[in-house]
């Protein structure tokens, strides 16, 4: 399912216009991205938790002679979500 299909399905289920659902979805995604990039987490009970993972890079950065690290977004599915998928 892509974004357009998701918006259409949510619109159908809520009887809201597509442009409203699309705008709300955009704000939700932007808020999650902004929150994670600040090093905080977003927990949606039953669905899952979005967080930031800091990984140590492989090798050494030759230019700075410091170990390189990088930041990755991480998602951990919630118990309810896992249970529904495993049915």
N, C-alpha and C. Protein backbone atom coordinates (compact mmCIF):
# COMPACT_ATOMS: atom_id res chain seq x y z
N UNK A 1 0.85 -1.17 0.00
CA UNK A 1 0.00 0.00 0.00
C UNK A 1 0.90 1.24 0.00
N UNK A 2 0.65 2.14 -0.90
CA UNK A 2 1.41 3.38 -0.93
C UNK A 2 0.60 4.50 -0.24
N UNK A 3 1.18 5.70 -0.20
CA UNK A 3 0.53 6.80 0.52
C UNK A 3 -0.84 7.12 -0.07
N UNK A 4 -0.94 7.15 -1.37
CA UNK A 4 -2.21 7.49 -2.02
C UNK A 4 -3.30 6.48 -1.64
N UNK A 5 -2.95 5.21 -1.62
CA UNK A 5 -3.90 4.17 -1.26
C UNK A 5 -4.27 4.26 0.23
N UNK A 6 -3.28 4.56 1.07
CA UNK A 6 -3.54 4.72 2.50
C UNK A 6 -4.50 5.88 2.75
N UNK A 7 -4.23 7.00 2.11
CA UNK A 7 -5.11 8.17 2.25
C UNK A 7 -6.53 7.82 1.79
N UNK A 8 -6.66 7.14 0.69
CA UNK A 8 -7.98 6.76 0.18
C UNK A 8 -8.72 5.85 1.16
N UNK A 9 -8.01 4.89 1.75
CA UNK A 9 -8.65 3.97 2.69
C UNK A 9 -9.07 4.68 3.97
N UNK A 10 -8.20 5.53 4.51
CA UNK A 10 -8.55 6.28 5.73
C UNK A 10 -9.71 7.23 5.42
N UNK A 11 -9.69 7.84 4.26
CA UNK A 11 -10.77 8.73 3.85
C UNK A 11 -12.10 7.98 3.78
N UNK A 12 -12.06 6.79 3.22
CA UNK A 12 -13.27 5.97 3.11
C UNK A 12 -13.80 5.59 4.49
N UNK A 13 -12.89 5.20 5.40
CA UNK A 13 -13.31 4.75 6.73
C UNK A 13 -13.79 5.90 7.63
N UNK A 14 -13.28 7.10 7.41
CA UNK A 14 -13.62 8.22 8.29
C UNK A 14 -14.60 9.20 7.66
N UNK A 15 -14.91 9.02 6.39
CA UNK A 15 -15.77 9.95 5.65
C UNK A 15 -15.21 11.37 5.63
N UNK A 16 -13.89 11.49 5.65
CA UNK A 16 -13.23 12.78 5.52
C UNK A 16 -12.68 12.90 4.10
N UNK A 17 -12.58 14.12 3.59
CA UNK A 17 -12.02 14.29 2.24
C UNK A 17 -10.56 13.86 2.17
N UNK A 18 -10.15 13.41 1.00
CA UNK A 18 -8.76 12.96 0.80
C UNK A 18 -7.75 14.03 1.18
N UNK A 19 -8.02 15.30 0.83
CA UNK A 19 -7.04 16.36 1.10
C UNK A 19 -6.85 16.58 2.59
N UNK A 20 -7.90 16.36 3.40
CA UNK A 20 -7.77 16.50 4.85
C UNK A 20 -6.94 15.36 5.42
N UNK A 21 -7.23 14.15 5.00
CA UNK A 21 -6.50 12.97 5.47
C UNK A 21 -5.03 13.09 5.07
N UNK A 22 -4.77 13.52 3.85
CA UNK A 22 -3.40 13.67 3.37
C UNK A 22 -2.64 14.71 4.18
N UNK A 23 -3.28 15.82 4.49
CA UNK A 23 -2.64 16.88 5.28
C UNK A 23 -2.33 16.38 6.69
N UNK A 24 -3.26 15.66 7.30
CA UNK A 24 -3.04 15.13 8.65
C UNK A 24 -1.92 14.11 8.64
N UNK A 25 -1.90 13.24 7.64
CA UNK A 25 -0.84 12.24 7.54
C UNK A 25 0.52 12.90 7.38
N UNK A 26 0.59 13.95 6.56
CA UNK A 26 1.85 14.67 6.38
C UNK A 26 2.35 15.27 7.69
N UNK A 27 1.43 15.84 8.48
CA UNK A 27 1.81 16.44 9.77
C UNK A 27 2.27 15.36 10.74
N UNK A 28 1.60 14.22 10.75
CA UNK A 28 1.99 13.11 11.63
C UNK A 28 3.40 12.64 11.29
N UNK A 29 3.66 12.39 10.01
CA UNK A 29 4.98 11.91 9.59
C UNK A 29 6.05 12.94 9.89
N UNK A 30 5.78 14.22 9.59
CA UNK A 30 6.76 15.29 9.88
C UNK A 30 7.05 15.38 11.37
N UNK A 31 6.02 15.25 12.20
CA UNK A 31 6.20 15.32 13.65
C UNK A 31 7.04 14.15 14.15
N UNK A 32 6.79 12.96 13.64
CA UNK A 32 7.59 11.80 14.03
C UNK A 32 9.05 12.01 13.63
N UNK A 33 9.28 12.47 12.41
CA UNK A 33 10.65 12.69 11.93
C UNK A 33 11.35 13.75 12.78
N UNK A 34 10.68 14.86 13.05
CA UNK A 34 11.27 15.93 13.86
C UNK A 34 11.61 15.44 15.27
N UNK A 35 10.70 14.67 15.86
CA UNK A 35 10.91 14.18 17.22
C UNK A 35 12.08 13.21 17.28
N UNK A 36 12.15 12.28 16.34
CA UNK A 36 13.22 11.29 16.31
C UNK A 36 14.56 11.97 16.05
N UNK A 37 14.59 12.96 15.17
CA UNK A 37 15.85 13.63 14.86
C UNK A 37 16.40 14.40 16.06
N UNK A 38 15.53 14.73 17.02
CA UNK A 38 15.97 15.40 18.25
C UNK A 38 16.47 14.40 19.29
N UNK A 39 16.39 13.11 18.99
CA UNK A 39 16.85 12.08 19.91
C UNK A 39 15.77 11.60 20.86
N UNK A 40 14.53 12.04 20.66
CA UNK A 40 13.42 11.60 21.50
C UNK A 40 12.73 10.41 20.82
N UNK A 41 11.70 9.87 21.45
CA UNK A 41 10.99 8.75 20.85
C UNK A 41 9.50 9.05 20.76
N UNK A 42 8.81 8.30 19.89
CA UNK A 42 7.36 8.41 19.74
C UNK A 42 6.80 7.03 19.99
N UNK A 43 5.96 6.92 21.01
CA UNK A 43 5.37 5.64 21.37
C UNK A 43 3.87 5.67 21.11
N UNK A 44 3.41 4.79 20.24
CA UNK A 44 1.99 4.64 19.94
C UNK A 44 1.58 3.29 20.52
N UNK A 45 0.93 3.33 21.68
CA UNK A 45 0.59 2.11 22.41
C UNK A 45 -0.21 1.17 21.51
N UNK A 46 0.24 -0.07 21.46
CA UNK A 46 -0.40 -1.09 20.64
C UNK A 46 0.17 -1.17 19.24
N UNK A 47 0.73 -0.08 18.74
CA UNK A 47 1.29 -0.06 17.39
C UNK A 47 2.80 -0.25 17.42
N UNK A 48 3.50 0.64 18.15
CA UNK A 48 4.94 0.50 18.23
C UNK A 48 5.62 1.78 18.66
N UNK A 49 6.95 1.72 18.70
CA UNK A 49 7.77 2.84 19.14
C UNK A 49 8.79 3.19 18.08
N UNK A 50 8.82 4.47 17.73
CA UNK A 50 9.84 5.01 16.83
C UNK A 50 10.92 5.63 17.70
N UNK A 51 12.18 5.32 17.41
CA UNK A 51 13.27 5.87 18.22
C UNK A 51 14.50 6.08 17.34
N UNK A 52 15.55 6.57 17.97
CA UNK A 52 16.80 6.83 17.28
C UNK A 52 17.84 5.84 17.78
N UNK A 53 18.56 5.23 16.86
CA UNK A 53 19.63 4.32 17.20
C UNK A 53 20.94 4.93 16.73
N UNK A 54 21.92 4.97 17.62
CA UNK A 54 23.23 5.49 17.26
C UNK A 54 24.18 4.30 17.13
N UNK A 55 24.73 4.13 15.95
CA UNK A 55 25.59 3.00 15.67
C UNK A 55 27.02 3.46 15.50
N UNK A 56 27.91 2.65 15.95
CA UNK A 56 29.33 2.93 15.75
C UNK A 56 29.70 2.49 14.34
N UNK A 57 30.41 3.35 13.64
CA UNK A 57 30.81 3.04 12.28
C UNK A 57 31.91 2.01 12.26
N UNK A 58 32.15 1.48 11.10
CA UNK A 58 33.22 0.51 10.93
C UNK A 58 34.50 1.25 10.57
N UNK A 59 35.55 0.94 11.25
CA UNK A 59 36.83 1.56 10.95
C UNK A 59 36.96 2.93 11.58
N UNK A 60 37.94 3.67 11.13
CA UNK A 60 38.24 4.98 11.68
C UNK A 60 38.17 6.01 10.56
N UNK A 61 37.63 7.18 10.87
CA UNK A 61 37.59 8.27 9.90
C UNK A 61 39.00 8.85 9.80
N UNK A 62 39.63 8.68 8.69
CA UNK A 62 41.03 9.07 8.52
C UNK A 62 41.22 10.58 8.67
N UNK A 63 40.27 11.37 8.21
CA UNK A 63 40.42 12.83 8.24
C UNK A 63 40.37 13.38 9.66
N UNK A 64 39.56 12.80 10.53
CA UNK A 64 39.44 13.34 11.88
C UNK A 64 40.09 12.45 12.93
N UNK A 65 40.51 11.28 12.54
CA UNK A 65 41.09 10.27 13.42
C UNK A 65 40.19 9.93 14.60
N UNK A 66 38.88 10.10 14.42
CA UNK A 66 37.91 9.72 15.44
C UNK A 66 37.05 8.59 14.88
N UNK A 67 36.56 7.76 15.77
CA UNK A 67 35.63 6.73 15.32
C UNK A 67 34.39 7.41 14.77
N UNK A 68 33.91 6.92 13.64
CA UNK A 68 32.71 7.50 13.05
C UNK A 68 31.48 6.81 13.63
N UNK A 69 30.45 7.58 13.84
CA UNK A 69 29.16 7.03 14.28
C UNK A 69 28.09 7.58 13.36
N UNK A 70 26.98 6.90 13.31
CA UNK A 70 25.87 7.39 12.51
C UNK A 70 24.56 7.10 13.22
N UNK A 71 23.55 7.87 12.86
CA UNK A 71 22.24 7.79 13.51
C UNK A 71 21.24 7.15 12.55
N UNK A 72 20.46 6.23 13.08
CA UNK A 72 19.47 5.54 12.27
C UNK A 72 18.10 5.59 12.95
N UNK A 73 17.04 5.78 12.19
CA UNK A 73 15.71 5.65 12.77
C UNK A 73 15.44 4.17 13.03
N UNK A 74 14.67 3.91 14.07
CA UNK A 74 14.39 2.54 14.48
C UNK A 74 12.90 2.43 14.80
N UNK A 75 12.29 1.30 14.47
CA UNK A 75 10.89 1.05 14.82
C UNK A 75 10.79 -0.32 15.47
N UNK A 76 10.13 -0.35 16.62
CA UNK A 76 9.88 -1.62 17.30
C UNK A 76 8.37 -1.79 17.39
N UNK A 77 7.87 -2.85 16.79
CA UNK A 77 6.44 -3.11 16.78
C UNK A 77 5.93 -3.40 18.19
N UNK A 78 4.73 -2.92 18.49
CA UNK A 78 4.11 -3.15 19.78
C UNK A 78 3.51 -4.55 19.88
N UNK A 79 3.18 -4.95 21.09
CA UNK A 79 2.67 -6.30 21.34
C UNK A 79 1.38 -6.58 20.58
N UNK A 80 0.44 -5.63 20.61
CA UNK A 80 -0.83 -5.82 19.92
C UNK A 80 -0.62 -5.99 18.41
N UNK A 81 0.23 -5.14 17.85
CA UNK A 81 0.55 -5.21 16.41
C UNK A 81 1.15 -6.57 16.08
N UNK A 82 2.11 -7.02 16.87
CA UNK A 82 2.75 -8.32 16.64
C UNK A 82 1.73 -9.45 16.71
N UNK A 83 0.85 -9.39 17.71
CA UNK A 83 -0.15 -10.45 17.88
C UNK A 83 -1.11 -10.52 16.69
N UNK A 84 -1.54 -9.36 16.19
CA UNK A 84 -2.47 -9.35 15.05
C UNK A 84 -1.79 -9.90 13.80
N UNK A 85 -0.53 -9.54 13.59
CA UNK A 85 0.19 -10.02 12.41
C UNK A 85 0.41 -11.53 12.48
N UNK A 86 0.59 -12.07 13.67
CA UNK A 86 0.89 -13.49 13.83
C UNK A 86 -0.34 -14.39 13.82
N UNK A 87 -1.51 -13.82 13.62
CA UNK A 87 -2.73 -14.66 13.61
C UNK A 87 -2.80 -15.47 12.35
